[in-house]
N, C-alpha and C. Protein backbone atom coordinates (compact mmCIF):
# COMPACT_ATOMS: atom_id res chain seq x y z
N MET A 1 -91.31 143.17 -196.84
CA MET A 1 -90.39 144.26 -197.10
C MET A 1 -89.65 143.99 -198.40
N ALA A 2 -89.38 145.04 -199.12
CA ALA A 2 -88.65 144.88 -200.38
C ALA A 2 -87.76 146.10 -200.61
N TRP A 3 -86.70 145.86 -201.33
CA TRP A 3 -85.76 146.90 -201.72
C TRP A 3 -85.61 146.85 -203.23
N ILE A 4 -85.35 148.01 -203.83
CA ILE A 4 -85.17 148.10 -205.28
C ILE A 4 -83.91 148.91 -205.57
N GLY A 5 -83.27 148.59 -206.67
CA GLY A 5 -82.11 149.35 -207.14
C GLY A 5 -81.94 149.14 -208.63
N CYS A 6 -81.30 150.10 -209.26
CA CYS A 6 -81.04 150.02 -210.70
C CYS A 6 -79.58 149.63 -210.91
N TYR A 7 -79.37 148.47 -211.50
CA TYR A 7 -78.03 147.97 -211.79
C TYR A 7 -77.67 148.24 -213.25
N GLU A 8 -76.41 148.59 -213.46
CA GLU A 8 -75.86 148.56 -214.81
C GLU A 8 -74.99 147.32 -214.87
N VAL A 9 -75.22 146.51 -215.89
CA VAL A 9 -74.51 145.24 -216.03
C VAL A 9 -73.92 145.12 -217.42
N ARG A 10 -72.88 144.32 -217.52
CA ARG A 10 -72.28 143.98 -218.81
C ARG A 10 -72.55 142.51 -219.05
N ALA A 11 -72.95 142.19 -220.27
CA ALA A 11 -73.25 140.81 -220.63
C ALA A 11 -71.96 139.99 -220.72
N LYS A 12 -71.97 138.82 -220.10
CA LYS A 12 -70.85 137.88 -220.20
C LYS A 12 -71.31 136.67 -221.00
N PRO A 13 -70.40 135.96 -221.64
CA PRO A 13 -70.79 134.75 -222.37
C PRO A 13 -71.62 133.83 -221.47
N GLY A 14 -72.71 133.35 -222.03
CA GLY A 14 -73.62 132.48 -221.28
C GLY A 14 -74.83 133.21 -220.74
N SER A 15 -74.80 134.55 -220.74
CA SER A 15 -75.96 135.30 -220.27
C SER A 15 -76.97 135.44 -221.40
N GLU A 16 -78.22 135.61 -221.03
CA GLU A 16 -79.27 135.79 -222.03
C GLU A 16 -79.01 137.02 -222.89
N LEU A 17 -78.54 138.08 -222.27
CA LEU A 17 -78.26 139.33 -222.98
C LEU A 17 -77.13 139.15 -223.99
N HIS A 18 -76.09 138.44 -223.61
CA HIS A 18 -74.96 138.19 -224.51
C HIS A 18 -75.43 137.40 -225.72
N GLY A 19 -76.31 136.44 -225.50
CA GLY A 19 -76.84 135.63 -226.59
C GLY A 19 -77.63 136.44 -227.60
N SER A 20 -78.17 137.59 -227.16
CA SER A 20 -78.94 138.43 -228.07
C SER A 20 -78.06 139.45 -228.79
N GLY A 21 -76.75 139.42 -228.52
CA GLY A 21 -75.83 140.32 -229.19
C GLY A 21 -75.69 141.69 -228.54
N MET A 22 -76.28 141.87 -227.38
CA MET A 22 -76.17 143.15 -226.68
C MET A 22 -74.95 143.15 -225.76
N TYR A 23 -74.46 144.35 -225.48
CA TYR A 23 -73.23 144.52 -224.71
C TYR A 23 -73.49 144.72 -223.22
N GLY A 24 -74.52 145.49 -222.90
CA GLY A 24 -74.82 145.79 -221.51
C GLY A 24 -76.25 146.24 -221.36
N ALA A 25 -76.63 146.55 -220.10
CA ALA A 25 -78.01 146.95 -219.85
C ALA A 25 -78.14 147.61 -218.49
N PHE A 26 -79.23 148.32 -218.34
CA PHE A 26 -79.69 148.81 -217.05
C PHE A 26 -80.92 147.99 -216.70
N VAL A 27 -81.03 147.58 -215.43
CA VAL A 27 -82.17 146.77 -215.02
C VAL A 27 -82.52 147.06 -213.57
N ASN A 28 -83.81 147.23 -213.31
CA ASN A 28 -84.28 147.34 -211.93
C ASN A 28 -84.34 145.94 -211.33
N VAL A 29 -83.87 145.84 -210.10
CA VAL A 29 -83.90 144.57 -209.38
C VAL A 29 -84.64 144.80 -208.07
N VAL A 30 -85.59 143.93 -207.76
CA VAL A 30 -86.32 143.98 -206.50
C VAL A 30 -85.99 142.72 -205.72
N VAL A 31 -85.69 142.90 -204.43
CA VAL A 31 -85.39 141.77 -203.56
C VAL A 31 -86.27 141.87 -202.32
N ASP A 32 -86.92 140.78 -201.98
CA ASP A 32 -87.69 140.68 -200.75
C ASP A 32 -86.69 140.41 -199.62
N CYS A 33 -86.35 141.48 -198.87
CA CYS A 33 -85.32 141.35 -197.83
C CYS A 33 -85.52 142.43 -196.78
N GLU A 34 -84.67 142.41 -195.76
CA GLU A 34 -84.83 143.28 -194.60
C GLU A 34 -83.97 144.54 -194.61
N SER A 35 -82.89 144.57 -195.40
CA SER A 35 -81.97 145.71 -195.31
C SER A 35 -81.31 145.99 -196.66
N GLU A 36 -80.72 147.18 -196.76
CA GLU A 36 -80.00 147.54 -197.98
C GLU A 36 -78.80 146.62 -198.19
N ALA A 37 -78.10 146.29 -197.13
CA ALA A 37 -76.94 145.40 -197.25
C ALA A 37 -77.36 144.03 -197.79
N GLU A 38 -78.46 143.51 -197.28
CA GLU A 38 -78.97 142.22 -197.76
C GLU A 38 -79.41 142.33 -199.22
N PHE A 39 -80.04 143.46 -199.58
CA PHE A 39 -80.43 143.69 -200.97
C PHE A 39 -79.21 143.62 -201.88
N ARG A 40 -78.18 144.39 -201.54
CA ARG A 40 -76.98 144.45 -202.39
C ARG A 40 -76.34 143.07 -202.54
N GLU A 41 -76.27 142.32 -201.47
CA GLU A 41 -75.67 140.99 -201.52
C GLU A 41 -76.48 140.05 -202.40
N LYS A 42 -77.79 139.98 -202.16
CA LYS A 42 -78.63 139.03 -202.91
C LYS A 42 -78.77 139.42 -204.38
N ALA A 43 -78.96 140.70 -204.65
CA ALA A 43 -79.10 141.14 -206.04
C ALA A 43 -77.80 140.90 -206.81
N SER A 44 -76.68 141.24 -206.20
CA SER A 44 -75.38 141.05 -206.86
C SER A 44 -75.11 139.57 -207.11
N ASP A 45 -75.38 138.73 -206.12
CA ASP A 45 -75.17 137.29 -206.28
C ASP A 45 -76.03 136.74 -207.42
N ALA A 46 -77.29 137.16 -207.48
CA ALA A 46 -78.20 136.66 -208.52
C ALA A 46 -77.74 137.09 -209.91
N LEU A 47 -77.35 138.35 -210.05
CA LEU A 47 -76.90 138.83 -211.36
C LEU A 47 -75.61 138.12 -211.79
N MET A 48 -74.69 137.94 -210.87
CA MET A 48 -73.44 137.24 -211.22
C MET A 48 -73.72 135.78 -211.58
N GLU A 49 -74.64 135.15 -210.86
CA GLU A 49 -75.01 133.77 -211.16
C GLU A 49 -75.62 133.67 -212.56
N ASP A 50 -76.32 134.72 -212.98
CA ASP A 50 -76.93 134.75 -214.31
C ASP A 50 -75.96 135.26 -215.38
N ARG A 51 -74.68 135.35 -215.03
CA ARG A 51 -73.59 135.65 -215.97
C ARG A 51 -73.55 137.12 -216.40
N TYR A 52 -73.71 138.02 -215.43
CA TYR A 52 -73.56 139.45 -215.70
C TYR A 52 -72.43 140.01 -214.85
N GLN A 53 -71.66 140.90 -215.45
CA GLN A 53 -70.64 141.65 -214.72
C GLN A 53 -71.30 142.91 -214.18
N LEU A 54 -71.13 143.17 -212.90
CA LEU A 54 -71.75 144.33 -212.28
C LEU A 54 -70.88 145.56 -212.49
N LEU A 55 -71.47 146.62 -213.04
CA LEU A 55 -70.73 147.86 -213.27
C LEU A 55 -71.09 148.93 -212.25
N ASP A 56 -72.37 149.01 -211.88
CA ASP A 56 -72.81 150.07 -210.97
C ASP A 56 -74.19 149.73 -210.45
N VAL A 57 -74.53 150.31 -209.31
CA VAL A 57 -75.90 150.24 -208.78
C VAL A 57 -76.24 151.62 -208.26
N GLU A 58 -77.46 152.06 -208.58
CA GLU A 58 -77.92 153.39 -208.17
C GLU A 58 -79.34 153.30 -207.64
N ASP A 59 -79.72 154.35 -206.95
CA ASP A 59 -81.11 154.53 -206.50
C ASP A 59 -81.63 153.35 -205.68
N VAL A 60 -80.80 152.83 -204.78
CA VAL A 60 -81.24 151.75 -203.90
C VAL A 60 -82.14 152.35 -202.83
N MET A 61 -83.33 151.77 -202.70
CA MET A 61 -84.27 152.29 -201.70
C MET A 61 -85.26 151.23 -201.27
N PHE A 62 -85.78 151.41 -200.07
CA PHE A 62 -86.87 150.57 -199.57
C PHE A 62 -88.14 150.95 -200.30
N ILE A 63 -88.93 149.95 -200.66
CA ILE A 63 -90.23 150.23 -201.27
C ILE A 63 -91.31 149.45 -200.54
N ASP A 64 -92.44 150.07 -200.40
CA ASP A 64 -93.60 149.42 -199.83
C ASP A 64 -94.49 149.02 -200.99
N LEU A 65 -94.49 147.75 -201.33
CA LEU A 65 -95.23 147.29 -202.50
C LEU A 65 -96.74 147.42 -202.33
N ALA A 66 -97.19 147.64 -201.10
CA ALA A 66 -98.62 147.82 -200.85
C ALA A 66 -99.02 149.30 -200.88
N ASP A 67 -98.04 150.20 -200.97
CA ASP A 67 -98.30 151.64 -200.96
C ASP A 67 -98.95 152.07 -202.27
N THR A 68 -100.10 152.71 -202.18
CA THR A 68 -100.82 153.10 -203.39
C THR A 68 -100.16 154.25 -204.13
N ASP A 69 -99.20 154.94 -203.51
CA ASP A 69 -98.51 156.04 -204.18
C ASP A 69 -97.28 155.59 -204.96
N THR A 70 -96.90 154.33 -204.82
CA THR A 70 -95.74 153.81 -205.54
C THR A 70 -96.09 153.69 -207.02
N PRO A 71 -95.19 154.14 -207.94
CA PRO A 71 -95.46 153.99 -209.38
C PRO A 71 -95.78 152.53 -209.70
N LYS A 72 -96.79 152.31 -210.51
CA LYS A 72 -97.35 150.97 -210.63
C LYS A 72 -96.83 150.12 -211.78
N ASP A 73 -96.45 150.67 -212.89
CA ASP A 73 -96.15 149.87 -214.08
C ASP A 73 -95.22 148.70 -213.79
N GLU A 74 -93.96 148.98 -213.69
CA GLU A 74 -92.98 147.92 -213.52
C GLU A 74 -93.03 147.33 -212.11
N LEU A 75 -93.36 148.14 -211.10
CA LEU A 75 -93.41 147.61 -209.74
C LEU A 75 -94.47 146.53 -209.58
N ASP A 76 -95.62 146.70 -210.23
CA ASP A 76 -96.65 145.67 -210.16
C ASP A 76 -96.15 144.37 -210.77
N LEU A 77 -95.46 144.48 -211.89
CA LEU A 77 -94.91 143.29 -212.54
C LEU A 77 -93.88 142.62 -211.64
N LEU A 78 -92.98 143.42 -211.08
CA LEU A 78 -91.95 142.86 -210.20
C LEU A 78 -92.57 142.24 -208.96
N ASN A 79 -93.54 142.91 -208.37
CA ASN A 79 -94.21 142.38 -207.18
C ASN A 79 -94.87 141.05 -207.47
N SER A 80 -95.47 140.91 -208.65
CA SER A 80 -96.14 139.65 -209.00
C SER A 80 -95.14 138.51 -209.16
N GLN A 81 -93.87 138.83 -209.41
CA GLN A 81 -92.83 137.80 -209.57
C GLN A 81 -92.26 137.35 -208.22
N LEU A 82 -92.46 138.17 -207.17
CA LEU A 82 -91.94 137.80 -205.85
C LEU A 82 -92.91 136.83 -205.20
N THR A 83 -92.44 135.63 -204.92
CA THR A 83 -93.25 134.61 -204.27
C THR A 83 -92.44 134.00 -203.14
N ASP A 84 -93.03 133.07 -202.42
CA ASP A 84 -92.30 132.41 -201.34
C ASP A 84 -91.02 131.75 -201.84
N GLY A 85 -91.07 131.19 -203.04
CA GLY A 85 -89.90 130.52 -203.58
C GLY A 85 -88.99 131.42 -204.38
N ASN A 86 -89.44 132.62 -204.71
CA ASN A 86 -88.66 133.54 -205.54
C ASN A 86 -88.59 134.89 -204.85
N LYS A 87 -87.45 135.21 -204.27
CA LYS A 87 -87.30 136.44 -203.50
C LYS A 87 -86.64 137.56 -204.29
N ILE A 88 -86.33 137.32 -205.59
CA ILE A 88 -85.65 138.31 -206.43
C ILE A 88 -86.39 138.41 -207.76
N ALA A 89 -86.58 139.64 -208.24
CA ALA A 89 -87.23 139.84 -209.54
C ALA A 89 -86.46 140.89 -210.32
N TYR A 90 -86.32 140.64 -211.63
CA TYR A 90 -85.70 141.60 -212.54
C TYR A 90 -86.78 142.32 -213.31
N GLY A 91 -86.56 143.62 -213.53
CA GLY A 91 -87.40 144.37 -214.44
C GLY A 91 -86.92 144.13 -215.87
N THR A 92 -87.39 144.95 -216.78
CA THR A 92 -86.98 144.85 -218.18
C THR A 92 -85.53 145.29 -218.32
N PHE A 93 -84.74 144.49 -219.02
CA PHE A 93 -83.35 144.86 -219.30
C PHE A 93 -83.36 145.91 -220.41
N GLN A 94 -82.94 147.12 -220.08
CA GLN A 94 -82.82 148.20 -221.07
C GLN A 94 -81.43 148.07 -221.68
N ALA A 95 -81.34 147.26 -222.74
CA ALA A 95 -80.06 146.84 -223.30
C ALA A 95 -79.51 147.84 -224.31
N TYR A 96 -78.19 147.82 -224.43
CA TYR A 96 -77.52 148.66 -225.43
C TYR A 96 -76.40 147.86 -226.08
N PRO A 97 -76.17 148.11 -227.39
CA PRO A 97 -75.07 147.44 -228.09
C PRO A 97 -73.75 148.14 -227.79
N LYS A 98 -72.65 147.46 -228.05
CA LYS A 98 -71.33 148.06 -227.82
C LYS A 98 -71.16 149.31 -228.68
N ASP A 99 -71.67 149.29 -229.90
CA ASP A 99 -71.56 150.45 -230.79
C ASP A 99 -72.22 151.68 -230.19
N GLY A 100 -73.24 151.48 -229.37
CA GLY A 100 -73.96 152.59 -228.77
C GLY A 100 -73.12 153.37 -227.78
N LEU A 101 -72.00 152.81 -227.33
CA LEU A 101 -71.15 153.49 -226.36
C LEU A 101 -70.36 154.63 -226.99
N ASP A 102 -70.16 154.56 -228.30
CA ASP A 102 -69.35 155.57 -228.99
C ASP A 102 -70.17 156.77 -229.46
N ALA A 103 -71.47 156.67 -229.36
CA ALA A 103 -72.34 157.73 -229.89
C ALA A 103 -72.28 158.98 -229.05
């Protein structure tokens, strides 16, 4: 079982995103877990551990990674990252600079 959600995060000092000079990002997070509550807890803990401030989460839903109707691009990549030792996977960070907020 897996759950997915789109997080908006702000880069904090020490995060990979902050080191690249970006201010924030949207990122899909997949967690191998049993419930939405467990998803939110594990995804939030992982992002905070990786030095991100959580701003918002949207579109949280259960996904069947074996379902042939599920969009394949990023889900296939995320599914390949989920292993017995790794229960959380990040998609591509769609980053934005601070200047982009004023546009």
